[in-house]
């Protein structure tokens, strides 16, 4: 917001505060001309309480907006929490003015009503308290790309009292209750830095040596245009198994919405390089045994083995 907009936001709270304070300070002088009762005097003080809360909340909101202009924007929930606390303090002060010591008894007497009301709106209360916890802990901010396990993957566009709104990579607008988000594992791809590392796994045949495969794939990945080259991508061996050698091609990127495109580019470049290098992917093999090996194997079967396996054919074909 501009300076002119901030001045407009502070104008009315300032006017109300000045008027209320003036009436409170000159209440005794005004009473000499007009007969003001105690109720009017207390009302003027209550008006000063709420005007002060209104002005202070606007000033703090302006300070948060200025801080957000230098960094990432703060969630709107934080401004709401501050305003709610200030107005709650003004309400408590007003209640104490009008009821005196009887205020505590009135609050205690309404405990049963508050308990019944809380049970009726327990889901709303759970979402609201979860929203407060998310606002205080700050696992994500507006503009962060997050993965909420089992719920959504996308960009946080708004954090409210009850819900959080996420825009997915498919341009779908999801509204999620805060209580559900608080129970899930959250992966933030934008914090502590927007740059993070991803990887693709590739399994190759044993016929290509590891150093040769590493050189071919690394040279291919360095031609990618969507990924970062500082830090440089690298290739690591994950497993050396009977089916083949599994490699991890690791690279860095700074935009989560480019994740699919980056993975597609890396796969395409590596596949093209491996095909030009003449390597093959691992596949199932069937080894054919010649007749000489079969005859030798059959002659090596003793009579005890044949007796214990009546279905074993030990007949040696004539050459």
Protein backbone atom coordinates (compact mmCIF):
# COMPACT_ATOMS: atom_id res chain seq x y z
CA UNK A 1 0.00 0.00 0.00
CA UNK A 2 1.11 3.57 -0.70
CA UNK A 3 1.71 6.24 1.96
CA UNK A 4 -1.51 7.99 0.94
CA UNK A 5 -3.55 4.82 1.47
CA UNK A 6 -1.98 4.30 4.90
CA UNK A 7 -2.89 7.86 5.89
CA UNK A 8 -6.50 7.25 4.86
CA UNK A 9 -6.61 4.07 6.93
CA UNK A 10 -5.33 5.91 9.99
CA UNK A 11 -7.54 9.00 9.58
CA UNK A 12 -10.82 7.78 11.07
CA UNK A 13 -9.29 5.87 14.02
CA UNK A 14 -7.21 8.94 14.88
CA UNK A 15 -10.25 11.24 14.73
CA UNK A 16 -12.31 8.97 16.98
CA UNK A 17 -9.46 8.64 19.47
CA UNK A 18 -8.88 12.40 19.67
CA UNK A 19 -12.59 13.10 20.11
CA UNK A 20 -13.05 10.43 22.75
CA UNK A 21 -9.98 11.52 24.71
CA UNK A 22 -11.11 15.13 24.52
CA UNK A 23 -14.54 14.25 25.88
CA UNK A 24 -13.01 12.18 28.67
CA UNK A 25 -10.53 14.93 29.67
CA UNK A 26 -13.12 17.71 29.60
CA UNK A 27 -15.92 15.64 31.07
CA UNK A 28 -15.82 17.57 34.35
CA UNK A 29 -16.01 20.92 32.55
CA UNK A 30 -18.86 19.76 30.37
CA UNK A 31 -20.74 18.44 33.40
CA UNK A 32 -20.89 22.00 34.80
CA UNK A 33 -22.95 23.03 31.79
CA UNK A 34 -24.88 19.82 31.26
CA UNK A 35 -25.84 17.15 33.75
CA UNK A 36 -24.00 14.06 32.56
CA UNK A 37 -24.73 10.85 34.40
CA UNK A 38 -22.21 8.16 35.28
CA UNK A 39 -23.39 6.06 32.34
CA UNK A 40 -22.40 8.75 29.85
CA UNK A 41 -19.01 9.18 31.52
CA UNK A 42 -18.33 5.45 31.39
CA UNK A 43 -19.46 5.32 27.77
CA UNK A 44 -16.95 8.01 26.86
CA UNK A 45 -14.16 5.98 28.48
CA UNK A 46 -15.30 2.83 26.68
CA UNK A 47 -15.28 4.75 23.39
CA UNK A 48 -11.68 5.78 24.11
CA UNK A 49 -10.74 2.15 24.75
CA UNK A 50 -12.13 0.94 21.43
CA UNK A 51 -10.74 3.91 19.50
CA UNK A 52 -7.29 3.17 20.92
CA UNK A 53 -7.57 -0.50 19.96
CA UNK A 54 -8.69 0.48 16.46
CA UNK A 55 -5.80 2.91 15.94
CA UNK A 56 -3.12 0.61 17.36
CA UNK A 57 -4.32 -2.30 15.20
CA UNK A 58 -4.12 -0.12 12.08
CA UNK A 59 -0.60 1.05 12.99
CA UNK A 60 0.61 -2.51 13.55
CA UNK A 61 -1.00 -3.64 10.28
CA UNK A 62 0.83 -0.82 8.49
CA UNK A 63 4.13 -1.91 10.07
CA UNK A 64 3.56 -5.51 8.95
CA UNK A 65 2.76 -4.34 5.41
CA UNK A 66 6.02 -2.39 5.30
CA UNK A 67 7.95 -5.43 6.54
CA UNK A 68 6.19 -7.65 4.00
CA UNK A 69 7.22 -5.32 1.18
CA UNK A 70 10.86 -6.17 1.93
CA UNK A 71 10.27 -9.89 2.43
CA UNK A 72 7.46 -12.30 1.71
CA UNK A 73 3.91 -11.20 2.56
CA UNK A 74 2.58 -12.02 6.02
CA UNK A 75 -0.65 -13.99 6.30
CA UNK A 76 -3.78 -11.92 6.83
CA UNK A 77 -4.49 -14.10 9.85
CA UNK A 78 -1.69 -12.38 11.79
CA UNK A 79 -3.32 -8.97 11.37
CA UNK A 80 -6.67 -10.43 12.42
CA UNK A 81 -5.16 -12.01 15.54
CA UNK A 82 -3.58 -8.71 16.62
CA UNK A 83 -6.80 -6.78 16.04
CA UNK A 84 -8.85 -9.41 17.90
CA UNK A 85 -6.53 -9.28 20.93
CA UNK A 86 -6.67 -5.47 21.07
CA UNK A 87 -10.44 -5.32 20.78
CA UNK A 88 -10.80 -8.11 23.35
CA UNK A 89 -8.71 -6.05 25.77
CA UNK A 90 -10.94 -3.04 25.07
CA UNK A 91 -14.05 -5.16 25.68
CA UNK A 92 -12.70 -6.48 28.99
CA UNK A 93 -11.86 -2.96 30.06
CA UNK A 94 -15.35 -1.74 29.14
CA UNK A 95 -16.98 -4.62 31.00
CA UNK A 96 -14.95 -3.84 34.09
CA UNK A 97 -16.01 -0.20 33.90
CA UNK A 98 -19.72 -0.93 33.75
CA UNK A 99 -19.88 -3.96 36.05
CA UNK A 100 -16.99 -3.36 38.41
CA UNK A 101 -16.23 -6.39 40.54
CA UNK A 102 -19.47 -8.02 39.37
CA UNK A 103 -17.91 -8.67 35.97
CA UNK A 104 -16.07 -11.73 37.22
CA UNK A 105 -19.25 -13.21 38.66
CA UNK A 106 -21.12 -12.62 35.41
CA UNK A 107 -18.40 -14.34 33.42
CA UNK A 108 -18.39 -17.32 35.78
CA UNK A 109 -22.18 -17.61 35.59
CA UNK A 110 -22.10 -17.77 31.81
CA UNK A 111 -19.65 -20.70 31.82
CA UNK A 112 -22.34 -23.28 31.14
CA UNK A 113 -23.68 -21.32 28.20
CA UNK A 114 -20.18 -20.95 26.79
CA UNK A 115 -19.57 -24.70 27.17
CA UNK A 116 -22.75 -25.57 25.27
CA UNK A 117 -21.93 -23.07 22.56
CA UNK A 118 -18.39 -24.42 22.26
CA UNK A 119 -19.68 -27.99 21.82
CA UNK A 120 -22.04 -26.84 19.08
CA UNK A 121 -19.32 -25.07 17.11
CA UNK A 122 -16.43 -27.37 18.04
CA UNK A 123 -15.42 -27.90 14.39
CA UNK A 124 -15.29 -24.16 13.79
CA UNK A 125 -13.30 -23.69 16.99
CA UNK A 126 -10.87 -26.47 15.99
CA UNK A 127 -10.31 -24.87 12.57
CA UNK A 128 -9.87 -21.44 14.13
CA UNK A 129 -7.39 -22.60 16.77
CA UNK A 130 -5.47 -24.53 14.15
CA UNK A 131 -5.38 -21.37 12.05
CA UNK A 132 -4.00 -19.45 15.02
CA UNK A 133 -1.33 -22.14 15.53
CA UNK A 134 -0.39 -22.06 11.86
CA UNK A 135 -0.17 -18.27 11.99
CA UNK A 136 2.12 -18.34 15.02
CA UNK A 137 4.36 -21.23 13.97
CA UNK A 138 4.50 -20.13 10.33
CA UNK A 139 5.24 -23.45 8.55
CA UNK A 140 4.40 -21.63 5.32
CA UNK A 141 3.58 -18.15 4.08
CA UNK A 142 1.59 -16.69 1.24
CA UNK A 143 3.39 -17.47 -2.00
CA UNK A 144 5.10 -20.65 -0.75
CA UNK A 145 4.90 -23.88 -2.73
CA UNK A 146 3.91 -26.66 -0.34
CA UNK A 147 3.03 -30.33 -0.34
CA UNK A 148 0.38 -31.07 2.29
CA UNK A 149 0.57 -34.84 2.57
CA UNK A 150 -2.64 -36.43 1.34
CA UNK A 151 -4.43 -33.13 0.73
CA UNK A 152 -2.84 -30.88 -1.88
CA UNK A 153 0.29 -29.72 -3.65
CA UNK A 154 0.42 -26.13 -4.81
CA UNK A 155 0.96 -22.47 -4.01
CA UNK A 156 -0.48 -20.89 -0.86
CA UNK A 157 -2.55 -17.86 -1.88
CA UNK A 158 -4.39 -17.05 1.36
CA UNK A 159 -4.31 -18.06 5.04
CA UNK A 160 -7.56 -17.34 6.89
CA UNK A 161 -9.06 -18.00 10.30
CA UNK A 162 -10.73 -21.29 9.33
CA UNK A 163 -9.30 -22.24 5.96
CA UNK A 164 -6.18 -22.03 3.82
CA UNK A 165 -6.46 -21.58 0.07
CA UNK A 166 -4.04 -23.37 -2.26
CA UNK A 167 -3.68 -22.96 -6.02
CA UNK A 168 -2.44 -26.18 -7.63
CA UNK A 169 -0.24 -26.51 -10.70
CA UNK A 170 -3.36 -27.47 -12.65
CA UNK A 171 -4.96 -24.09 -11.74
CA UNK A 172 -7.39 -25.71 -9.32
CA UNK A 173 -8.41 -23.63 -6.30
CA UNK A 174 -8.51 -25.73 -3.13
CA UNK A 175 -10.00 -24.52 0.17
CA UNK A 176 -8.66 -26.65 3.03
CA UNK A 177 -9.78 -26.55 6.70
CA UNK A 178 -6.91 -25.55 8.96
CA UNK A 179 -7.59 -28.41 11.37
CA UNK A 180 -6.90 -30.94 8.60
CA UNK A 181 -3.71 -29.16 7.55
CA UNK A 182 -2.42 -29.12 11.14
CA UNK A 183 -2.66 -32.93 11.32
CA UNK A 184 -0.71 -33.56 8.10
CA UNK A 185 2.97 -33.55 7.24
CA UNK A 186 3.85 -30.34 5.40
CA UNK A 187 6.75 -30.07 2.94
CA UNK A 188 7.64 -26.47 2.12
CA UNK A 189 9.57 -26.18 -1.16
CA UNK A 190 10.07 -22.42 -0.74
CA UNK A 191 11.72 -22.40 2.70
CA UNK A 192 14.26 -21.78 4.03
CA UNK A 193 15.31 -20.94 0.45
CA UNK A 194 13.33 -21.15 -2.78
CA UNK A 195 16.08 -23.34 -4.31
CA UNK A 196 15.83 -27.09 -3.70
CA UNK A 197 17.25 -30.32 -5.17
CA UNK A 198 15.31 -32.96 -7.09
CA UNK A 199 16.43 -36.21 -8.70
CA UNK A 200 15.46 -38.88 -11.20
CA UNK A 201 16.51 -42.53 -10.99
CA UNK A 202 17.75 -44.52 -13.98
CA UNK A 203 18.69 -48.23 -14.07
CA UNK A 204 21.24 -49.35 -16.68
CA UNK A 205 22.73 -52.65 -17.77
CA UNK A 206 25.99 -53.91 -16.29
CA UNK A 207 27.67 -53.78 -19.70
CA UNK A 208 28.41 -50.05 -19.33
CA UNK A 209 31.02 -49.21 -16.65
CA UNK A 210 29.95 -46.87 -13.87
CA UNK A 211 32.41 -44.11 -14.73
CA UNK A 212 31.36 -44.18 -18.39
CA UNK A 213 27.66 -44.06 -17.47
CA UNK A 214 28.30 -41.21 -15.03
CA UNK A 215 30.20 -39.23 -17.65
CA UNK A 216 27.53 -39.71 -20.33
CA UNK A 217 24.60 -38.76 -18.10
CA UNK A 218 26.36 -35.81 -16.48
CA UNK A 219 27.33 -34.38 -19.85
CA UNK A 220 23.71 -34.71 -20.99
CA UNK A 221 22.24 -33.02 -17.90
CA UNK A 222 24.60 -30.07 -18.22
CA UNK A 223 22.81 -29.18 -21.46
CA UNK A 224 19.49 -28.68 -19.65
CA UNK A 225 18.14 -25.11 -19.73
CA UNK A 226 15.46 -25.22 -17.03
CA UNK A 227 17.57 -26.43 -14.11
CA UNK A 228 20.23 -24.54 -12.13
CA UNK A 229 23.91 -25.07 -12.89
CA UNK A 230 25.13 -23.53 -9.64
CA UNK A 231 25.34 -25.84 -7.73
CA UNK A 232 26.15 -28.21 -10.58
CA UNK A 233 24.11 -31.38 -11.15
CA UNK A 234 25.70 -34.70 -10.23
CA UNK A 235 25.22 -38.45 -10.64
CA UNK A 236 25.33 -40.97 -7.78
CA UNK A 237 25.04 -44.76 -7.69
CA UNK A 238 22.07 -45.89 -5.62
CA UNK A 239 22.16 -49.66 -6.04
CA UNK A 240 24.24 -52.39 -7.70
CA UNK A 241 21.92 -55.34 -8.13
CA UNK A 242 21.31 -58.33 -10.33
CA UNK A 243 18.82 -56.50 -12.49
CA UNK A 244 21.21 -53.61 -13.18
CA UNK A 245 22.94 -50.55 -11.76
CA UNK A 246 20.62 -47.80 -10.48
CA UNK A 247 21.81 -44.18 -10.70
CA UNK A 248 20.40 -40.97 -9.22
CA UNK A 249 20.71 -37.92 -11.46
CA UNK A 250 20.45 -34.97 -9.05
CA UNK A 251 19.87 -31.34 -10.02
CA UNK A 252 18.71 -28.05 -8.50
CA UNK A 253 15.71 -25.86 -9.36
CA UNK A 254 14.04 -22.84 -7.78
CA UNK A 255 10.44 -23.06 -8.98
CA UNK A 256 8.25 -25.93 -7.87
CA UNK A 257 5.84 -25.34 -10.74
CA UNK A 258 8.69 -26.23 -13.13
CA UNK A 259 9.28 -29.59 -11.46
CA UNK A 260 7.50 -31.67 -14.12
CA UNK A 261 9.09 -29.78 -17.02
CA UNK A 262 12.56 -30.10 -15.49
CA UNK A 263 12.13 -33.84 -14.95
CA UNK A 264 10.90 -34.28 -18.51
CA UNK A 265 13.89 -32.36 -19.91
CA UNK A 266 16.39 -34.36 -17.84
CA UNK A 267 14.87 -37.70 -18.90
CA UNK A 268 14.86 -36.65 -22.55
CA UNK A 269 18.49 -35.52 -22.59
CA UNK A 270 19.77 -38.55 -20.67
CA UNK A 271 17.82 -40.97 -22.86
CA UNK A 272 19.20 -39.41 -26.03
CA UNK A 273 22.78 -39.51 -24.69
CA UNK A 274 22.52 -43.15 -23.57
CA UNK A 275 21.13 -44.25 -26.91
CA UNK A 276 23.97 -42.52 -28.76
CA UNK A 277 26.44 -44.19 -26.38
CA UNK A 278 25.01 -47.60 -27.32
CA UNK A 279 23.87 -48.72 -23.87
CA UNK A 280 20.79 -50.82 -23.27
CA UNK A 281 18.30 -50.93 -20.45
CA UNK A 282 18.27 -54.04 -18.23
CA UNK A 283 15.92 -56.79 -19.36
CA UNK A 284 15.10 -60.39 -18.56
CA UNK A 285 17.41 -62.95 -20.15
CA UNK A 286 16.75 -66.60 -21.04
CA UNK A 287 19.93 -68.68 -21.30
CA UNK A 288 19.74 -71.69 -23.66
CA UNK A 289 21.67 -74.80 -22.54
CA UNK A 290 23.10 -76.98 -25.37
CA UNK A 291 22.45 -80.72 -25.62
CA UNK A 292 25.95 -81.66 -24.48
CA UNK A 293 25.44 -79.89 -21.17
CA UNK A 294 22.05 -81.56 -20.77
CA UNK A 295 23.56 -85.05 -21.42
CA UNK A 296 26.33 -84.40 -18.95
CA UNK A 297 23.82 -83.24 -16.36
CA UNK A 298 21.65 -86.31 -16.91
CA UNK A 299 24.61 -88.71 -16.59
CA UNK A 300 25.56 -87.08 -13.32
CA UNK A 301 22.25 -88.09 -11.71
CA UNK A 302 22.80 -91.10 -9.46
CA UNK A 303 20.35 -93.88 -8.87
CA UNK A 304 19.39 -92.68 -5.41
CA UNK A 305 18.35 -89.32 -6.84
CA UNK A 306 16.36 -91.08 -9.57
CA UNK A 307 14.66 -93.30 -7.02
CA UNK A 308 13.67 -90.35 -4.86
CA UNK A 309 12.37 -88.47 -7.93
CA UNK A 310 10.28 -90.99 -9.94
CA UNK A 311 9.31 -88.29 -12.44
CA UNK A 312 12.93 -87.38 -13.25
CA UNK A 313 13.88 -88.58 -16.73
CA UNK A 314 17.47 -89.94 -16.67
CA UNK A 315 17.41 -91.38 -20.13
CA UNK A 316 20.37 -90.16 -22.17
CA UNK A 317 19.54 -89.58 -25.81
CA UNK A 318 21.77 -91.32 -28.33
CA UNK A 319 24.08 -89.11 -30.30
